[in-house]
Amino acid sequence: MARHYVEAGRLTVKTACLAFGISQTCYRYQAKLNAENETIADWLV
């Protein structure tokens, strides 16, 4: 939700994070995919 308001230009990252109660680190986090994850997921299924 915070990303939506920042991308629309309505809020800055700092203001959006304060409004939604999240850290800026959390806002900017992007998971790094690992090829091993797919293999493990196949084992679990």
PDB file of N, CA and C in Angstrom:
ATOM      1  N   MET A   1       0.829  -1.181   0.000  1.00  0.00           N
ATOM      2  CA  MET A   1       0.000   0.000   0.000  1.00  0.00           C
ATOM      3  C   MET A   1       0.882   1.258   0.000  1.00  0.00           C
ATOM      4  N   ALA A   2       1.938   1.250   0.805  1.00  0.00           N
ATOM      5  CA  ALA A   2       2.831   2.405   0.856  1.00  0.00           C
ATOM      6  C   ALA A   2       3.452   2.650  -0.512  1.00  0.00           C
ATOM      7  N   ARG A   3       3.846   1.565  -1.175  1.00  0.00           N
ATOM      8  CA  ARG A   3       4.468   1.690  -2.498  1.00  0.00           C
ATOM      9  C   ARG A   3       3.518   2.359  -3.486  1.00  0.00           C
ATOM     10  N   HIS A   4       2.247   2.059  -3.386  1.00  0.00           N
ATOM     11  CA  HIS A   4       1.241   2.651  -4.278  1.00  0.00           C
ATOM     12  C   HIS A   4       1.235   4.181  -4.151  1.00  0.00           C
ATOM     13  N   TYR A   5       1.233   4.681  -2.934  1.00  0.00           N
ATOM     14  CA  TYR A   5       1.190   6.126  -2.720  1.00  0.00           C
ATOM     15  C   TYR A   5       2.494   6.807  -3.137  1.00  0.00           C
ATOM     16  N   VAL A   6       3.618   6.127  -2.942  1.00  0.00           N
ATOM     17  CA  VAL A   6       4.903   6.703  -3.348  1.00  0.00           C
ATOM     18  C   VAL A   6       4.986   6.755  -4.870  1.00  0.00           C
ATOM     19  N   GLU A   7       4.594   5.663  -5.538  1.00  0.00           N
ATOM     20  CA  GLU A   7       4.657   5.631  -7.001  1.00  0.00           C
ATOM     21  C   GLU A   7       3.689   6.620  -7.635  1.00  0.00           C
ATOM     22  N   ALA A   8       2.578   6.893  -6.954  1.00  0.00           N
ATOM     23  CA  ALA A   8       1.606   7.851  -7.474  1.00  0.00           C
ATOM     24  C   ALA A   8       2.068   9.291  -7.231  1.00  0.00           C
ATOM     25  N   GLY A   9       3.149   9.454  -6.471  1.00  0.00           N
ATOM     26  CA  GLY A   9       3.681  10.784  -6.201  1.00  0.00           C
ATOM     27  C   GLY A   9       2.940  11.531  -5.106  1.00  0.00           C
ATOM     28  N   ARG A  10       2.136  10.830  -4.356  1.00  0.00           N
ATOM     29  CA  ARG A  10       1.353  11.487  -3.298  1.00  0.00           C
ATOM     30  C   ARG A  10       2.137  11.636  -2.005  1.00  0.00           C
ATOM     31  N   LEU A  11       3.055  10.694  -1.726  1.00  0.00           N
ATOM     32  CA  LEU A  11       3.841  10.726  -0.496  1.00  0.00           C
ATOM     33  C   LEU A  11       5.301  10.421  -0.797  1.00  0.00           C
ATOM     34  N   THR A  12       6.182  10.887   0.084  1.00  0.00           N
ATOM     35  CA  THR A  12       7.580  10.487   0.003  1.00  0.00           C
ATOM     36  C   THR A  12       7.708   9.122   0.668  1.00  0.00           C
ATOM     37  N   VAL A  13       8.818   8.465   0.448  1.00  0.00           N
ATOM     38  CA  VAL A  13       9.047   7.157   1.062  1.00  0.00           C
ATOM     39  C   VAL A  13       8.991   7.294   2.582  1.00  0.00           C
ATOM     40  N   LYS A  14       9.645   8.301   3.109  1.00  0.00           N
ATOM     41  CA  LYS A  14       9.684   8.495   4.562  1.00  0.00           C
ATOM     42  C   LYS A  14       8.281   8.694   5.127  1.00  0.00           C
ATOM     43  N   THR A  15       7.488   9.534   4.505  1.00  0.00           N
ATOM     44  CA  THR A  15       6.139   9.825   4.986  1.00  0.00           C
ATOM     45  C   THR A  15       5.239   8.587   4.867  1.00  0.00           C
ATOM     46  N   ALA A  16       5.349   7.871   3.780  1.00  0.00           N
ATOM     47  CA  ALA A  16       4.543   6.670   3.581  1.00  0.00           C
ATOM     48  C   ALA A  16       4.883   5.619   4.630  1.00  0.00           C
ATOM     49  N   CYS A  17       6.152   5.453   4.909  1.00  0.00           N
ATOM     50  CA  CYS A  17       6.559   4.474   5.917  1.00  0.00           C
ATOM     51  C   CYS A  17       6.057   4.856   7.303  1.00  0.00           C
ATOM     52  N   LEU A  18       6.133   6.117   7.628  1.00  0.00           N
ATOM     53  CA  LEU A  18       5.604   6.570   8.919  1.00  0.00           C
ATOM     54  C   LEU A  18       4.094   6.360   8.996  1.00  0.00           C
ATOM     55  N   ALA A  19       3.390   6.668   7.923  1.00  0.00           N
ATOM     56  CA  ALA A  19       1.935   6.553   7.901  1.00  0.00           C
ATOM     57  C   ALA A  19       1.473   5.102   8.026  1.00  0.00           C
ATOM     58  N   PHE A  20       2.219   4.169   7.406  1.00  0.00           N
ATOM     59  CA  PHE A  20       1.813   2.765   7.423  1.00  0.00           C
ATOM     60  C   PHE A  20       2.531   1.954   8.498  1.00  0.00           C
ATOM     61  N   GLY A  21       3.384   2.605   9.256  1.00  0.00           N
ATOM     62  CA  GLY A  21       4.041   1.939  10.374  1.00  0.00           C
ATOM     63  C   GLY A  21       5.056   0.878   9.971  1.00  0.00           C
ATOM     64  N   ILE A  22       5.790   1.130   8.884  1.00  0.00           N
ATOM     65  CA  ILE A  22       6.830   0.198   8.455  1.00  0.00           C
ATOM     66  C   ILE A  22       8.158   0.945   8.366  1.00  0.00           C
ATOM     67  N   SER A  23       9.240   0.190   8.420  1.00  0.00           N
ATOM     68  CA  SER A  23      10.549   0.823   8.301  1.00  0.00           C
ATOM     69  C   SER A  23      10.880   1.036   6.821  1.00  0.00           C
ATOM     70  N   GLN A  24      11.803   1.945   6.562  1.00  0.00           N
ATOM     71  CA  GLN A  24      12.218   2.181   5.187  1.00  0.00           C
ATOM     72  C   GLN A  24      12.972   0.970   4.647  1.00  0.00           C
ATOM     73  N   THR A  25      13.635   0.241   5.526  1.00  0.00           N
ATOM     74  CA  THR A  25      14.310  -0.991   5.116  1.00  0.00           C
ATOM     75  C   THR A  25      13.292  -2.002   4.624  1.00  0.00           C
ATOM     76  N   CYS A  26      12.200  -2.129   5.352  1.00  0.00           N
ATOM     77  CA  CYS A  26      11.125  -3.040   4.954  1.00  0.00           C
ATOM     78  C   CYS A  26      10.528  -2.597   3.619  1.00  0.00           C
ATOM     79  N   TYR A  27      10.353  -1.321   3.444  1.00  0.00           N
ATOM     80  CA  TYR A  27       9.796  -0.790   2.194  1.00  0.00           C
ATOM     81  C   TYR A  27      10.672  -1.151   0.996  1.00  0.00           C
ATOM     82  N   ARG A  28      11.979  -1.071   1.168  1.00  0.00           N
ATOM     83  CA  ARG A  28      12.913  -1.280   0.060  1.00  0.00           C
ATOM     84  C   ARG A  28      13.335  -2.735  -0.132  1.00  0.00           C
ATOM     85  N   TYR A  29      12.949  -3.618   0.781  1.00  0.00           N
ATOM     86  CA  TYR A  29      13.378  -5.019   0.733  1.00  0.00           C
ATOM     87  C   TYR A  29      12.890  -5.716  -0.529  1.00  0.00           C
ATOM     88  N   GLN A  30      13.783  -6.453  -1.159  1.00  0.00           N
ATOM     89  CA  GLN A  30      13.415  -7.312  -2.287  1.00  0.00           C
ATOM     90  C   GLN A  30      14.103  -8.651  -2.088  1.00  0.00           C
ATOM     91  N   ALA A  31      13.324  -9.710  -2.079  1.00  0.00           N
ATOM     92  CA  ALA A  31      13.875 -11.042  -1.869  1.00  0.00           C
ATOM     93  C   ALA A  31      14.801 -11.426  -3.023  1.00  0.00           C
ATOM     94  N   LYS A  32      15.864 -12.101  -2.684  1.00  0.00           N
ATOM     95  CA  LYS A  32      16.799 -12.590  -3.688  1.00  0.00           C
ATOM     96  C   LYS A  32      16.484 -14.061  -3.921  1.00  0.00           C
ATOM     97  N   LEU A  33      16.137 -14.386  -5.142  1.00  0.00           N
ATOM     98  CA  LEU A  33      15.795 -15.762  -5.464  1.00  0.00           C
ATOM     99  C   LEU A  33      17.060 -16.586  -5.642  1.00  0.00           C
ATOM    100  N   ASN A  34      16.980 -17.821  -5.207  1.00  0.00           N
ATOM    101  CA  ASN A  34      18.105 -18.727  -5.282  1.00  0.00           C
ATOM    102  C   ASN A  34      17.630 -19.966  -6.036  1.00  0.00           C
ATOM    103  N   ALA A  35      18.434 -20.461  -6.947  1.00  0.00           N
ATOM    104  CA  ALA A  35      18.062 -21.638  -7.733  1.00  0.00           C
ATOM    105  C   ALA A  35      17.781 -22.834  -6.831  1.00  0.00           C
ATOM    106  N   GLU A  36      18.451 -22.888  -5.696  1.00  0.00           N
ATOM    107  CA  GLU A  36      18.264 -23.991  -4.758  1.00  0.00           C
ATOM    108  C   GLU A  36      16.849 -23.984  -4.167  1.00  0.00           C
ATOM    109  N   ASN A  37      16.255 -22.827  -4.056  1.00  0.00           N
ATOM    110  CA  ASN A  37      14.901 -22.725  -3.507  1.00  0.00           C
ATOM    111  C   ASN A  37      13.895 -23.518  -4.331  1.00  0.00           C
ATOM    112  N   GLU A  38      14.034 -23.488  -5.637  1.00  0.00           N
ATOM    113  CA  GLU A  38      13.110 -24.203  -6.516  1.00  0.00           C
ATOM    114  C   GLU A  38      13.246 -25.715  -6.315  1.00  0.00           C
ATOM    115  N   THR A  39      14.462 -26.179  -6.146  1.00  0.00           N
ATOM    116  CA  THR A  39      14.699 -27.613  -5.917  1.00  0.00           C
ATOM    117  C   THR A  39      14.068 -28.037  -4.597  1.00  0.00           C
ATOM    118  N   ILE A  40      14.264 -27.251  -3.574  1.00  0.00           N
ATOM    119  CA  ILE A  40      13.698 -27.574  -2.258  1.00  0.00           C
ATOM    120  C   ILE A  40      12.177 -27.563  -2.321  1.00  0.00           C
ATOM    121  N   ALA A  41      11.593 -26.600  -3.033  1.00  0.00           N
ATOM    122  CA  ALA A  41      10.143 -26.529  -3.166  1.00  0.00           C
ATOM    123  C   ALA A  41       9.600 -27.780  -3.871  1.00  0.00           C
ATOM    124  N   ASP A  42      10.324 -28.284  -4.868  1.00  0.00           N
ATOM    125  CA  ASP A  42       9.922 -29.506  -5.553  1.00  0.00           C
ATOM    126  C   ASP A  42       9.934 -30.696  -4.603  1.00  0.00           C
ATOM    127  N   TRP A  43      10.930 -30.763  -3.710  1.00  0.00           N
ATOM    128  CA  TRP A  43      11.006 -31.864  -2.745  1.00  0.00           C
ATOM    129  C   TRP A  43       9.810 -31.833  -1.806  1.00  0.00           C
ATOM    130  N   LEU A  44       9.395 -30.625  -1.422  1.00  0.00           N
ATOM    131  CA  LEU A  44       8.290 -30.486  -0.466  1.00  0.00           C
ATOM    132  C   LEU A  44       6.945 -30.870  -1.074  1.00  0.00           C
ATOM    133  N   VAL A  45       6.836 -30.725  -2.377  1.00  0.00           N
ATOM    134  CA  VAL A  45       5.575 -31.072  -3.054  1.00  0.00           C
ATOM    135  C   VAL A  45       5.604 -32.533  -3.376  1.00  0.00           C
TER     136      VAL A  45
END
